[in-house]
Amino acid sequence: MQAYCFKCRKKVDIKNAQPVTLKNGRPAVQGVCSVCGTKVYRIGKA
């Protein structure tokens, strides 16, 4: 699965992907950027 990394400014693969639920109830996937190690989110995919 891929997400946009704001630090790298491109789409990257997500490492350690975990499904989470945001405060407003929307599903998302939280993980770590495979390039720089920054937290990344993919909203709407669980």
C-alpha atoms as a PDB file:
ATOM      1  CA  MET A   1       0.000   0.000   0.000  1.00  0.00           C
ATOM      2  CA  GLN A   2       1.205   3.509  -0.760  1.00  0.00           C
ATOM      3  CA  ALA A   3       0.709   6.925   0.837  1.00  0.00           C
ATOM      4  CA  TYR A   4       1.950  10.442   0.109  1.00  0.00           C
ATOM      5  CA  CYS A   5       4.954  11.492   2.215  1.00  0.00           C
ATOM      6  CA  PHE A   6       5.074  15.253   2.780  1.00  0.00           C
ATOM      7  CA  LYS A   7       8.769  15.157   3.626  1.00  0.00           C
ATOM      8  CA  CYS A   8       9.807  13.227   0.487  1.00  0.00           C
ATOM      9  CA  ARG A   9       7.072  14.936  -1.601  1.00  0.00           C
ATOM     10  CA  LYS A  10       6.134  11.719  -3.401  1.00  0.00           C
ATOM     11  CA  LYS A  11       4.144   8.521  -2.983  1.00  0.00           C
ATOM     12  CA  VAL A  12       6.006   5.888  -1.005  1.00  0.00           C
ATOM     13  CA  ASP A  13       5.341   2.388   0.280  1.00  0.00           C
ATOM     14  CA  ILE A  14       4.041   2.143   3.850  1.00  0.00           C
ATOM     15  CA  LYS A  15       6.060   0.081   6.334  1.00  0.00           C
ATOM     16  CA  ASN A  16       4.424  -1.280   9.520  1.00  0.00           C
ATOM     17  CA  ALA A  17       0.936  -0.460   8.227  1.00  0.00           C
ATOM     18  CA  GLN A  18      -1.796  -0.586  10.887  1.00  0.00           C
ATOM     19  CA  PRO A  19      -5.515   0.123  10.446  1.00  0.00           C
ATOM     20  CA  VAL A  20      -6.732   2.977  12.665  1.00  0.00           C
ATOM     21  CA  THR A  21      -9.935   4.966  13.131  1.00  0.00           C
ATOM     22  CA  LEU A  22      -9.736   8.756  13.120  1.00  0.00           C
ATOM     23  CA  LYS A  23     -11.581  10.972  15.625  1.00  0.00           C
ATOM     24  CA  ASN A  24     -14.410  11.573  13.165  1.00  0.00           C
ATOM     25  CA  GLY A  25     -14.892   7.820  12.648  1.00  0.00           C
ATOM     26  CA  ARG A  26     -13.252   7.511   9.223  1.00  0.00           C
ATOM     27  CA  PRO A  27     -10.992   4.502   8.619  1.00  0.00           C
ATOM     28  CA  ALA A  28      -7.332   5.075   7.795  1.00  0.00           C
ATOM     29  CA  VAL A  29      -3.995   3.285   7.625  1.00  0.00           C
ATOM     30  CA  GLN A  30      -1.060   4.578   9.654  1.00  0.00           C
ATOM     31  CA  GLY A  31       2.515   3.590   8.995  1.00  0.00           C
ATOM     32  CA  VAL A  32       6.069   4.742   8.386  1.00  0.00           C
ATOM     33  CA  CYS A  33       7.622   6.064   5.177  1.00  0.00           C
ATOM     34  CA  SER A  34       9.952   3.447   3.701  1.00  0.00           C
ATOM     35  CA  VAL A  35      12.390   6.162   2.529  1.00  0.00           C
ATOM     36  CA  CYS A  36      12.768   8.682   5.387  1.00  0.00           C
ATOM     37  CA  GLY A  37      10.940   7.119   8.361  1.00  0.00           C
ATOM     38  CA  THR A  38       8.288   9.840   8.785  1.00  0.00           C
ATOM     39  CA  LYS A  39       4.742   8.898   9.881  1.00  0.00           C
ATOM     40  CA  VAL A  40       2.347   8.651   6.936  1.00  0.00           C
ATOM     41  CA  TYR A  41      -1.414   8.186   6.746  1.00  0.00           C
ATOM     42  CA  ARG A  42      -3.703   6.863   4.033  1.00  0.00           C
ATOM     43  CA  ILE A  43      -7.263   8.005   4.752  1.00  0.00           C
ATOM     44  CA  GLY A  44     -10.221   5.975   3.552  1.00  0.00           C
ATOM     45  CA  LYS A  45      -8.563   2.562   3.224  1.00  0.00           C
ATOM     46  CA  ALA A  46      -8.756   0.056   6.027  1.00  0.00           C
END
